[in-house]
Protein backbone atom coordinates (compact mmCIF):
# COMPACT_ATOMS: atom_id res chain seq x y z
CA MET A 1 -7.19 17.68 31.43
CA ALA A 2 -8.75 15.55 34.19
CA GLY A 3 -12.52 15.71 34.36
CA THR A 4 -12.89 17.07 30.83
CA THR A 5 -15.65 15.45 28.77
CA LEU A 6 -15.21 15.39 25.02
CA SER A 7 -18.10 16.73 22.98
CA PRO A 8 -19.32 14.87 19.87
CA LEU A 9 -17.55 17.50 17.76
CA ASP A 10 -14.32 16.87 19.70
CA TYR A 11 -14.67 13.14 19.04
CA GLY A 12 -15.26 13.82 15.35
CA ARG A 13 -12.25 16.10 14.97
CA LEU A 14 -10.03 13.76 16.97
CA LEU A 15 -11.10 10.81 14.84
CA MET A 16 -10.30 12.68 11.62
CA ALA A 17 -6.90 13.64 13.05
CA VAL A 18 -6.10 10.01 13.92
CA THR A 19 -7.44 8.74 10.60
CA LEU A 20 -5.58 11.22 8.43
CA GLY A 21 -2.46 10.82 10.55
CA PHE A 22 -2.48 7.10 9.72
CA HIS A 23 -3.55 7.55 6.10
CA SER A 24 -0.83 10.18 5.55
CA LEU A 25 1.78 7.43 5.64
CA PHE A 26 0.13 5.82 2.61
CA ILE A 27 -0.23 9.20 0.91
CA ILE A 28 3.50 9.80 1.29
CA LEU A 29 4.69 6.36 0.21
CA GLY A 30 1.94 5.89 -2.36
CA VAL A 31 3.11 8.91 -4.34
CA GLY A 32 6.81 9.09 -3.55
CA LEU A 33 7.83 5.44 -3.62
CA SER A 34 6.42 4.87 -7.10
CA ALA A 35 8.63 7.65 -8.45
CA MET A 36 11.73 6.41 -6.64
CA MET A 37 11.36 2.80 -7.81
CA SER A 38 10.79 3.95 -11.40
CA ILE A 39 13.86 6.20 -11.40
CA ALA A 40 15.95 3.49 -9.73
CA GLU A 41 15.00 0.94 -12.38
CA LEU A 42 15.76 3.39 -15.19
CA LEU A 43 19.18 4.11 -13.68
CA GLY A 44 19.83 0.38 -13.47
CA ILE A 45 19.02 -0.03 -17.16
CA LEU A 46 21.00 3.00 -18.35
CA LYS A 47 24.02 2.45 -16.11
CA LYS A 48 23.84 -1.34 -16.29
CA ARG A 49 23.95 -1.44 -12.48
CA ASN A 50 22.07 -4.43 -11.10
CA GLU A 51 21.87 -2.79 -7.66
CA PHE A 52 19.52 -0.07 -8.92
CA SER A 53 17.23 -2.62 -10.53
CA LEU A 54 17.28 -4.66 -7.33
CA MET A 55 16.22 -1.57 -5.37
CA ALA A 56 13.27 -1.06 -7.68
CA ARG A 57 12.19 -4.69 -7.44
CA ARG A 58 12.38 -4.83 -3.65
CA TRP A 59 10.63 -1.47 -3.27
CA SER A 60 7.87 -2.65 -5.60
CA TYR A 61 7.05 -5.39 -3.09
CA GLY A 62 6.57 -2.88 -0.29
CA PHE A 63 4.72 -0.48 -2.57
CA SER A 64 2.24 -3.19 -3.56
CA ILE A 65 1.42 -3.95 0.06
CA MET A 66 1.10 -0.27 0.95
CA PHE A 67 -1.11 0.34 -2.09
CA GLY A 68 -3.55 -2.35 -1.00
CA VAL A 69 -3.70 -1.19 2.61
CA GLY A 70 -3.88 2.44 1.48
CA ALA A 71 -6.94 1.64 -0.64
CA ALA A 72 -8.67 0.21 2.43
CA SER A 73 -7.62 3.19 4.52
CA GLY A 74 -8.81 5.67 1.89
CA THR A 75 -12.19 3.95 1.69
CA ALA A 76 -12.55 4.32 5.46
CA VAL A 77 -11.71 8.03 5.19
CA ALA A 78 -14.47 8.46 2.61
CA PHE A 79 -16.99 6.75 4.91
CA GLU A 80 -15.92 8.98 7.79
CA LEU A 81 -16.43 12.13 5.76
CA TYR A 82 -19.98 11.14 4.88
CA LEU A 83 -20.84 9.94 8.38
CA LEU A 84 -19.27 12.78 10.38
CA TRP A 85 -19.50 15.77 8.04
CA PRO A 86 -22.71 15.27 5.98
CA THR A 87 -23.53 18.97 5.65
CA PHE A 88 -20.06 19.72 4.32
CA MET A 89 -20.15 16.72 1.97
CA ASN A 90 -23.55 17.84 0.67
CA ILE A 91 -21.88 21.01 -0.61
CA ALA A 92 -18.63 19.33 -1.67
CA THR A 93 -20.31 16.62 -3.76
CA ARG A 94 -22.39 19.21 -5.60
CA VAL A 95 -19.58 21.67 -6.25
CA VAL A 96 -16.22 19.91 -6.19
CA ALA A 97 -17.06 16.26 -6.96
CA LEU A 98 -15.08 16.32 -10.23
CA PRO A 99 -11.68 15.66 -8.60
CA PHE A 100 -13.05 12.56 -6.85
CA PHE A 101 -14.28 11.17 -10.17
CA LEU A 102 -11.07 12.03 -12.01
CA GLU A 103 -8.97 10.50 -9.23
CA VAL A 104 -10.69 7.15 -9.64
CA VAL A 105 -10.46 7.15 -13.45
CA PHE A 106 -7.00 8.66 -13.99
CA GLY A 107 -5.34 7.94 -10.64
CA PHE A 108 -6.56 4.75 -9.01
CA PHE A 109 -7.43 2.73 -12.13
CA PRO A 110 -4.02 3.12 -13.86
CA GLU A 111 -2.26 2.14 -10.64
CA ALA A 112 -4.55 -0.84 -10.07
CA ILE A 113 -4.12 -2.04 -13.68
CA PHE A 114 -0.37 -1.55 -14.12
CA LEU A 115 0.87 -2.40 -10.62
CA PRO A 116 0.24 -6.16 -11.06
CA ILE A 117 1.95 -5.97 -14.46
CA TYR A 118 4.95 -4.25 -12.91
CA TYR A 119 5.02 -6.49 -9.83
CA TYR A 120 4.71 -9.82 -11.64
CA GLY A 121 6.37 -8.84 -14.90
CA TRP A 122 10.06 -8.72 -14.02
CA ASN A 123 10.78 -11.80 -16.12
CA ARG A 124 7.92 -11.39 -18.61
CA PHE A 125 9.31 -8.78 -21.04
CA SER A 126 11.83 -9.25 -23.83
CA LYS A 127 13.75 -6.14 -22.78
CA PRO A 128 14.08 -4.48 -19.34
CA ILE A 129 13.07 -1.11 -20.76
CA TYR A 130 9.64 -2.50 -21.60
CA HIS A 131 9.15 -3.51 -17.99
CA TRP A 132 10.21 -0.02 -16.89
CA LEU A 133 7.55 1.51 -19.15
CA ALA A 134 4.92 -0.27 -17.06
CA SER A 135 6.00 1.88 -14.09
CA LEU A 136 5.09 5.16 -15.80
CA PRO A 137 1.29 4.84 -15.45
CA ILE A 138 1.85 4.02 -11.77
CA VAL A 139 4.03 7.10 -11.24
CA ILE A 140 1.68 9.39 -13.14
CA GLY A 141 -1.44 7.87 -11.60
CA SER A 142 -0.16 8.21 -8.04
CA ALA A 143 0.90 11.82 -8.61
CA LEU A 144 -2.48 12.61 -10.18
CA SER A 145 -4.24 10.99 -7.21
CA GLY A 146 -2.35 13.23 -4.83
CA PHE A 147 -2.94 16.31 -6.97
CA LEU A 148 -6.67 15.73 -7.43
CA ILE A 149 -7.46 14.95 -3.80
CA VAL A 150 -5.53 18.01 -2.63
CA THR A 151 -7.59 20.23 -4.96
CA VAL A 152 -10.57 19.45 -2.72
CA ASN A 153 -8.67 20.73 0.29
CA SER A 154 -7.64 23.74 -1.77
CA PHE A 155 -11.33 24.39 -2.39
CA MET A 156 -11.91 24.35 1.36
CA ASN A 157 -9.27 27.07 1.71
CA THR A 158 -10.31 29.25 -1.23
CA PRO A 159 -13.83 28.22 -2.32
CA ALA A 160 -14.67 29.13 -5.91
CA GLY A 161 -16.83 28.06 -8.83
CA PHE A 162 -20.35 28.42 -7.43
CA SER A 163 -22.95 30.84 -6.12
CA TYR A 164 -24.95 30.29 -2.95
CA THR A 165 -27.65 31.62 -0.67
CA ILE A 166 -27.33 31.90 3.11
CA ASN A 167 -30.20 32.10 5.60
CA ALA A 168 -30.47 34.28 8.70
CA GLN A 169 -28.60 31.68 10.77
CA GLY A 170 -25.60 31.85 8.44
CA LEU A 171 -26.23 28.43 6.90
CA ILE A 172 -25.86 27.72 3.18
CA THR A 173 -29.32 26.77 1.94
CA SER A 174 -28.66 26.35 -1.79
CA VAL A 175 -25.89 26.37 -4.37
CA TYR A 176 -26.21 27.22 -8.05
CA ASN A 177 -24.19 28.36 -11.07
CA VAL A 178 -21.74 25.56 -10.31
CA ASN A 179 -18.55 25.55 -12.38
CA PRO A 180 -16.67 22.36 -11.41
CA ILE A 181 -13.53 23.36 -13.30
CA ALA A 182 -13.31 26.69 -11.46
CA ALA A 183 -14.00 24.91 -8.17
CA MET A 184 -11.20 22.42 -8.78
CA PHE A 185 -8.71 24.99 -10.07
CA ASN A 186 -9.39 27.50 -7.31
CA PRO A 187 -6.75 30.10 -6.34
CA ALA A 188 -5.06 27.83 -3.78
CA THR A 189 -4.73 24.82 -6.09
CA PRO A 190 -1.34 25.47 -7.75
CA PHE A 191 0.31 26.41 -4.46
CA GLU A 192 -1.15 23.73 -2.22
CA THR A 193 -0.89 20.85 -4.68
CA SER A 194 2.74 21.57 -5.56
CA HIS A 195 3.70 21.84 -1.89
CA VAL A 196 1.82 18.72 -0.73
CA VAL A 197 2.78 16.47 -3.65
CA GLY A 198 6.36 17.69 -3.30
CA ALA A 199 6.24 16.83 0.39
CA THR A 200 5.39 13.21 -0.45
CA TYR A 201 8.63 12.92 -2.43
CA VAL A 202 10.56 14.49 0.46
CA GLY A 203 8.94 12.16 2.97
CA THR A 204 9.57 9.00 0.96
CA ALA A 205 13.19 9.89 0.21
CA PHE A 206 14.11 10.40 3.84
CA MET A 207 12.16 7.37 5.07
CA ILE A 208 14.16 5.27 2.62
CA ALA A 209 17.43 7.03 3.50
CA SER A 210 16.76 6.48 7.19
CA ILE A 211 16.22 2.74 6.71
CA TYR A 212 19.49 2.29 4.82
CA ALA A 213 21.38 4.51 7.25
CA TYR A 214 20.19 2.20 10.03
CA ARG A 215 21.34 -0.89 8.14
CA ILE A 216 24.76 0.61 7.47
CA ILE A 217 25.19 1.74 11.08
CA ARG A 218 24.31 -1.79 12.18
CA GLY A 219 27.28 -3.02 10.13
CA ASP A 220 25.86 -4.03 6.74
CA ARG A 221 28.04 -1.87 4.49
CA SER A 222 27.23 -3.70 1.28
CA ASN A 223 27.46 -1.85 -2.02
CA TYR A 224 23.69 -2.20 -2.33
CA ASN A 225 22.94 -0.45 0.97
CA ILE A 226 25.44 2.34 0.37
CA LEU A 227 24.18 2.94 -3.18
CA ALA A 228 20.55 2.94 -2.00
CA PHE A 229 21.44 5.44 0.72
CA LYS A 230 23.20 7.71 -1.79
CA PHE A 231 20.27 7.54 -4.19
CA ALA A 232 17.78 8.38 -1.43
CA VAL A 233 19.72 11.39 -0.10
CA VAL A 234 20.23 12.81 -3.60
CA PHE A 235 16.52 12.40 -4.31
CA GLY A 236 15.79 13.89 -0.89
CA PHE A 237 18.05 16.90 -1.42
CA ILE A 238 16.50 17.78 -4.78
CA SER A 239 12.92 17.27 -3.62
CA SER A 240 13.36 19.10 -0.30
CA ALA A 241 15.01 22.09 -1.97
CA LEU A 242 12.24 22.34 -4.56
CA ASP A 243 9.52 21.81 -1.97
CA GLY A 244 11.04 24.53 0.17
CA ILE A 245 10.53 26.94 -2.74
CA ALA A 246 6.95 25.70 -3.13
CA GLY A 247 6.37 26.23 0.59
CA SER A 248 7.71 29.78 0.42
CA LEU A 249 5.38 30.59 -2.48
CA SER A 250 2.49 29.05 -0.52
CA ALA A 251 3.22 31.31 2.46
CA THR A 252 3.21 34.35 0.18
CA PHE A 253 -0.13 33.22 -1.23
CA LEU A 254 -1.59 32.76 2.26
CA SER A 255 -0.60 36.28 3.28
CA GLN A 256 -2.94 37.56 0.56
CA TYR A 257 -5.78 35.00 0.46
CA GLN A 258 -5.90 33.65 4.03
CA PRO A 259 -4.40 36.43 6.15
CA GLU A 260 -5.75 35.00 9.43
CA LYS A 261 -3.90 31.75 8.82
CA PHE A 262 -0.73 33.58 7.84
CA ALA A 263 -0.94 35.81 10.91
CA ALA A 264 -1.35 32.73 13.13
CA MET A 265 1.62 31.04 11.44
CA GLU A 266 3.76 34.09 12.16
CA GLU A 267 2.11 34.84 15.54
CA LEU A 268 1.39 38.34 14.24
CA TYR A 269 -1.25 39.93 16.44
CA ARG A 270 -0.85 43.53 15.24
CA THR A 271 -1.03 44.80 11.65
CA GLN A 272 2.29 46.47 10.83
CA SER A 273 4.73 47.38 8.12
CA TYR A 274 8.42 46.47 8.33
CA ALA A 275 7.30 43.36 10.22
CA PHE A 276 9.93 41.32 12.03
CA GLU A 277 10.19 37.56 11.47
CA LYS A 278 9.60 35.48 14.59
CA PHE A 279 10.98 31.97 15.06
CA PHE A 280 9.28 30.34 18.02
CA ASP A 281 9.76 32.96 20.76
CA TYR A 282 12.83 34.53 19.17
CA THR A 283 12.44 37.65 17.05
CA ILE A 284 15.07 37.77 14.31
CA PRO A 285 16.64 41.26 14.55
CA VAL A 286 16.22 42.16 10.89
CA ARG A 287 13.65 44.92 10.43
CA GLY A 288 11.10 44.07 7.75
CA LEU A 289 12.28 40.48 7.22
CA MET A 290 8.77 39.00 7.45
CA SER A 291 7.45 41.68 5.10
CA PHE A 292 10.22 40.93 2.61
CA LEU A 293 9.79 37.15 2.75
CA ALA A 294 6.03 37.39 2.29
CA ASP A 295 5.75 40.28 -0.15
CA GLY A 296 9.19 41.03 -1.56
CA ARG A 297 9.17 44.52 -0.02
CA TRP A 298 10.77 45.41 3.31
CA ASN A 299 8.07 47.99 4.06
CA ALA A 300 5.08 45.84 3.07
CA THR A 301 2.17 45.93 5.51
CA MET A 302 1.41 42.55 7.05
CA THR A 303 -2.18 42.00 8.18
CA GLY A 304 -2.37 40.97 11.82
CA LEU A 305 -5.04 39.16 13.78
CA ASP A 306 -6.30 42.49 15.12
CA ASN A 307 -8.03 42.96 11.74
CA PHE A 308 -10.38 40.05 12.45
CA PRO A 309 -12.90 39.17 15.17
CA ALA A 310 -11.31 37.10 17.92
CA SER A 311 -14.03 34.48 17.38
CA THR A 312 -12.50 33.63 13.99
CA TRP A 313 -8.92 33.31 15.25
CA PRO A 314 -7.36 29.84 15.02
CA ASP A 315 -5.30 28.35 17.85
CA VAL A 316 -2.39 30.75 17.38
CA PRO A 317 0.26 29.09 19.61
CA LEU A 318 -0.43 25.68 18.04
CA VAL A 319 -0.35 26.92 14.44
CA HIS A 320 2.77 29.03 15.04
CA ALA A 321 4.65 26.18 16.73
CA ALA A 322 3.64 23.69 14.02
CA PHE A 323 4.72 26.09 11.27
CA ASP A 324 8.10 26.82 12.85
CA LEU A 325 8.78 23.14 13.51
CA MET A 326 7.84 22.28 9.92
CA SER A 327 10.14 25.01 8.62
CA ALA A 328 13.01 23.96 10.89
CA PHE A 329 12.77 20.34 9.78
CA GLY A 330 12.60 21.48 6.16
CA PHE A 331 15.94 23.27 6.56
CA TYR A 332 17.33 20.18 8.30
CA PHE A 333 16.40 17.97 5.34
CA VAL A 334 18.16 20.25 2.85
CA ILE A 335 21.27 20.70 4.99
CA VAL A 336 21.71 17.10 6.13
CA SER A 337 21.15 15.63 2.66
CA PHE A 338 23.60 18.07 1.08
CA ALA A 339 26.16 17.31 3.79
CA ALA A 340 25.69 13.56 3.24
CA ILE A 341 26.20 13.95 -0.51
CA VAL A 342 29.42 15.89 0.07
CA ALA A 343 30.66 13.39 2.65
CA LEU A 344 30.00 10.35 0.45
CA SER A 345 31.36 11.87 -2.76
CA LEU A 346 34.15 14.33 -1.88
CA LEU A 347 35.12 13.26 1.64
CA ARG A 348 34.63 9.50 1.45
CA ARG A 349 38.22 8.88 2.59
CA HIS A 350 37.35 10.52 5.91
CA ILE A 351 35.55 7.59 7.51
CA SER A 352 34.53 9.53 10.60
CA LEU A 353 32.74 12.17 8.50
CA VAL A 354 31.01 9.52 6.41
CA ASN A 355 29.83 7.76 9.57
CA LEU A 356 28.62 11.08 10.94
CA ALA A 357 26.55 11.55 7.78
CA TYR A 358 24.81 8.22 8.37
CA TYR A 359 23.97 9.18 11.94
CA ALA A 360 22.80 12.65 10.88
CA VAL A 361 20.39 11.17 8.33
CA LEU A 362 19.16 8.38 10.63
CA PRO A 363 16.33 10.38 12.33
CA SER A 364 15.20 11.94 9.05
CA GLY A 365 12.63 9.21 8.30
CA PRO A 366 10.43 9.70 11.38
CA LEU A 367 10.99 13.46 11.16
CA ALA A 368 9.83 13.50 7.54
CA TYR A 369 6.56 11.82 8.53
CA LEU A 370 6.18 14.23 11.46
CA THR A 371 6.86 17.21 9.18
CA PHE A 372 4.12 16.10 6.80
CA LEU A 373 1.69 15.93 9.73
CA LEU A 374 2.81 19.34 10.96
CA GLY A 375 2.00 20.76 7.54
CA TRP A 376 -1.54 19.42 7.77
CA ILE A 377 -1.88 20.86 11.28
CA VAL A 378 -0.91 24.27 9.91
CA ASP A 379 -3.37 23.91 7.05
CA GLU A 380 -6.35 22.60 9.03
CA GLU A 381 -5.90 24.33 12.39
CA GLY A 382 -4.94 27.53 10.60
CA ARG A 383 -8.32 27.55 8.83
CA GLN A 384 -10.33 27.13 12.05
CA PRO A 385 -13.14 27.75 12.80
CA TRP A 386 -14.00 27.24 9.10
CA ILE A 387 -14.37 23.97 7.22
CA ILE A 388 -15.04 26.00 4.05
CA TYR A 389 -13.23 29.30 4.48
CA ASN A 390 -15.61 32.16 5.35
CA LEU A 391 -18.65 30.08 4.31
CA MET A 392 -19.20 27.14 6.66
CA THR A 393 -17.82 26.53 10.13
CA VAL A 394 -16.62 23.13 11.29
CA LYS A 395 -19.57 22.98 13.67
CA GLN A 396 -22.04 23.71 10.86
CA GLY A 397 -20.55 20.96 8.70
CA PHE A 398 -20.73 18.35 11.47
CA THR A 399 -23.35 15.63 11.85
CA THR A 400 -26.41 16.15 14.04
CA SER A 401 -26.50 12.44 14.98
CA TYR A 402 -24.47 13.12 18.10
CA SER A 403 -25.27 9.83 19.87
CA ALA A 404 -23.51 7.78 17.19
CA VAL A 405 -20.24 9.75 17.23
CA PRO A 406 -18.50 8.05 20.20
CA LEU A 407 -19.35 4.64 18.72
CA LEU A 408 -17.94 5.71 15.35
CA PHE A 409 -14.82 7.00 17.08
CA PHE A 410 -13.99 3.75 18.84
CA SER A 411 -15.04 1.61 15.85
CA PHE A 412 -12.74 3.41 13.41
CA LEU A 413 -9.97 3.61 16.02
CA THR A 414 -10.14 -0.17 16.41
CA PHE A 415 -10.12 -0.60 12.62
CA TYR A 416 -7.00 1.53 12.18
CA THR A 417 -5.21 -0.13 15.08
CA LEU A 418 -5.82 -3.55 13.53
CA LEU A 419 -4.85 -2.26 10.09
CA THR A 420 -1.56 -0.94 11.48
CA VAL A 421 -0.71 -4.21 13.21
CA ILE A 422 -1.60 -6.26 10.12
CA THR A 423 0.41 -3.99 7.81
CA VAL A 424 3.54 -4.18 9.97
CA TYR A 425 3.16 -7.96 10.28
CA ILE A 426 2.76 -8.47 6.52
CA LEU A 427 5.76 -6.27 5.68
CA GLN A 428 7.99 -7.99 8.24
CA ARG A 429 6.89 -11.44 7.16
CA TYR A 430 7.36 -10.65 3.47
CA TYR A 431 10.86 -9.22 3.73
CA LYS A 432 12.00 -12.00 6.07
CA ALA A 433 10.76 -14.53 3.51
CA HIS A 434 12.51 -12.62 0.70
CA PRO A 435 15.98 -11.71 2.01
CA LEU A 436 18.22 -9.48 -0.05
CA ASN A 437 20.04 -11.39 -2.78
CA LYS A 438 23.46 -9.79 -3.09
CA GLY A 439 24.52 -11.92 -6.00
CA ASN A 440 25.30 -10.60 -9.44
CA GLY A 441 22.45 -12.36 -11.22
CA SER A 442 20.00 -10.35 -13.27
CA VAL A 443 16.95 -8.94 -11.49
CA TYR A 444 14.90 -9.63 -14.63
CA GLY A 445 14.37 -13.30 -14.03
CA GLY A 446 13.11 -15.82 -11.52
CA ASP A 447 10.24 -15.27 -9.12
């Protein structure tokens, strides 16, 4: 709005939104792409299909670049947390520091050690299966990295594993009786980690499927492109269906442990039984549907926002819209991937239907990235005004060095802009210099 001046806190929140929005791309591809390239290589070995092995090799190039840039981006995120949210980090490092340590040892280190072996070792092993084994620490390490970092966010949603004292101003003055295991494995951990890590597989699958759909639509209907597209949509269908289940379980959990967030997601202002489900502004005419979906009982009482002070309400329209968009796109991923599988397997003689499947999948890549961001909007905006639920507000966790915040904002914004440009340039330059070899020679050889 014209004439509006951003406060230091606004700058800080906006910077974290931009930073995590950029870094999310590396989270998605860093976890999901490692799994896809490992599975593709294994399929190539078992089925003796050179195309699968070629997929894995070409994807490993992109993964290596994204891993390096993601490490730089993640380091910048860590600096931002300490610079902008020192009060919050003072609590986090004393209570829930264990996941950060474990992520470095069991997540980052295995990836950093085995990725060069995998990348440079295509013609270094006596048997292809030995090269494939080098991918396993990368897959496990990347998944562990995602899991461990998300446990910290889970702690922010359901803090556990410590005792504390609060002064008259509502500020935490000391923490004691710290149990780092309980803090890491807090009530939200199994639900949030499964949903977020699952979302990285969904995001990667549809980004890959979208790229190959674009190539096919542009006229390159090589066996390699069609097979890569099929592999991506099958992987996407399985992962999106499973992640949909994880998301449903997460919503049920939120209705019990974070009822304000759940009420905002459902735009439920009044506590009621037999609650109706609302999709955007449309109320689905099935009495008790929301109650049933959240609790398994049609007559279950759903806690509305009227049970809480208005000062602790999140931005209800934003959270509700983000949740409904995320859910709608989730259904789209399941439906469009299933339809594409049917078209390419059972209806492949019907060229018009097959072409329609390519066009239907084409927008799924950008939408998958957007859906991941919408999920974080629901999580973070739905917890407002708290940075640690019911213990510390976002304002309390923010820095008191207000004069430095605008400078930090523009400095990090410049850094991420340059990082984006450099990343795109490197990827384009690399793949132009290494065009797809459609020959029948073995992938396990040459440079």
